[in-house]
Amino acid sequence: MARVLVKTRKVGGSIIVSIPKEATEQEGIREGELLELDIRKVRKDWFGATRGVGRFTKEDELDTHD
């Protein structure tokens, strides 16, 4: 069973998802086949969200006001 994360998008009045080509090839899925899906929203994990930002510098500090 392939496990993929996909993003929803709106088309007309429906919300759709696309199954990536790699997953369809792995599972042998063809156009017109009936599929059973388990739908779960992904919880956002913000751990590591600032990775790559780097440390604050002296220029990043706010000036004090009188």
Protein backbone atom coordinates (compact mmCIF):
# COMPACT_ATOMS: atom_id res chain seq x y z
CA MET A 1 0.00 0.00 0.00
CA ALA A 2 1.46 3.35 -1.04
CA ARG A 3 1.30 6.21 1.44
CA VAL A 4 1.39 9.70 -0.05
CA LEU A 5 0.59 13.20 1.12
CA VAL A 6 -1.42 15.29 -1.32
CA LYS A 7 -2.84 18.79 -1.23
CA THR A 8 -6.50 19.44 -1.93
CA ARG A 9 -7.69 21.90 -4.54
CA LYS A 10 -11.07 23.19 -5.57
CA VAL A 11 -12.51 22.44 -9.00
CA GLY A 12 -16.01 23.76 -9.52
CA GLY A 13 -18.00 22.86 -6.41
CA SER A 14 -15.79 19.92 -5.47
CA ILE A 15 -12.51 19.50 -3.63
CA ILE A 16 -10.19 17.06 -5.37
CA VAL A 17 -6.82 15.41 -4.86
CA SER A 18 -4.48 13.97 -7.46
CA ILE A 19 -2.68 10.69 -6.95
CA PRO A 20 0.98 11.08 -7.92
CA LYS A 21 2.20 9.06 -10.91
CA GLU A 22 4.73 7.16 -8.79
CA ALA A 23 1.95 5.91 -6.49
CA THR A 24 -0.30 4.87 -9.39
CA GLU A 25 2.56 2.94 -10.96
CA GLN A 26 3.50 1.30 -7.66
CA GLU A 27 -0.07 0.19 -7.01
CA GLY A 28 -0.95 -0.55 -10.65
CA ILE A 29 -3.86 1.92 -10.62
CA ARG A 30 -5.45 2.74 -13.96
CA GLU A 31 -7.98 5.34 -15.03
CA GLY A 32 -11.59 4.38 -14.30
CA GLU A 33 -10.80 1.95 -11.46
CA LEU A 34 -12.75 2.10 -8.22
CA LEU A 35 -10.57 2.92 -5.19
CA GLU A 36 -11.20 2.86 -1.45
CA LEU A 37 -9.59 5.78 0.41
CA ASP A 38 -8.95 6.34 4.11
CA ILE A 39 -9.07 10.11 4.52
CA ARG A 40 -7.21 11.76 7.42
CA LYS A 41 -6.16 15.36 7.85
CA VAL A 42 -2.48 15.80 8.57
CA ARG A 43 -1.70 17.50 11.84
CA LYS A 44 0.65 20.38 11.38
CA ASP A 45 3.82 19.93 13.36
CA TRP A 46 5.62 23.23 13.70
CA PHE A 47 8.72 21.63 15.23
CA GLY A 48 11.61 22.63 13.00
CA ALA A 49 9.56 25.24 11.14
CA THR A 50 12.32 27.81 11.58
CA ARG A 51 15.10 25.48 10.48
CA GLY A 52 17.58 27.32 8.31
CA VAL A 53 16.64 30.78 9.59
CA GLY A 54 19.82 31.17 11.60
CA ARG A 55 20.58 33.10 14.76
CA PHE A 56 19.44 36.65 15.35
CA THR A 57 22.08 39.28 14.75
CA LYS A 58 22.58 42.66 16.40
CA GLU A 59 20.81 44.27 13.40
CA ASP A 60 17.71 42.11 14.07
CA GLU A 61 17.21 43.56 17.56
CA LEU A 62 14.51 46.16 18.07
CA ASP A 63 15.52 49.66 19.13
CA THR A 64 14.22 50.81 22.52
CA HIS A 65 11.87 53.75 22.65
CA ASP A 66 11.94 56.62 25.18
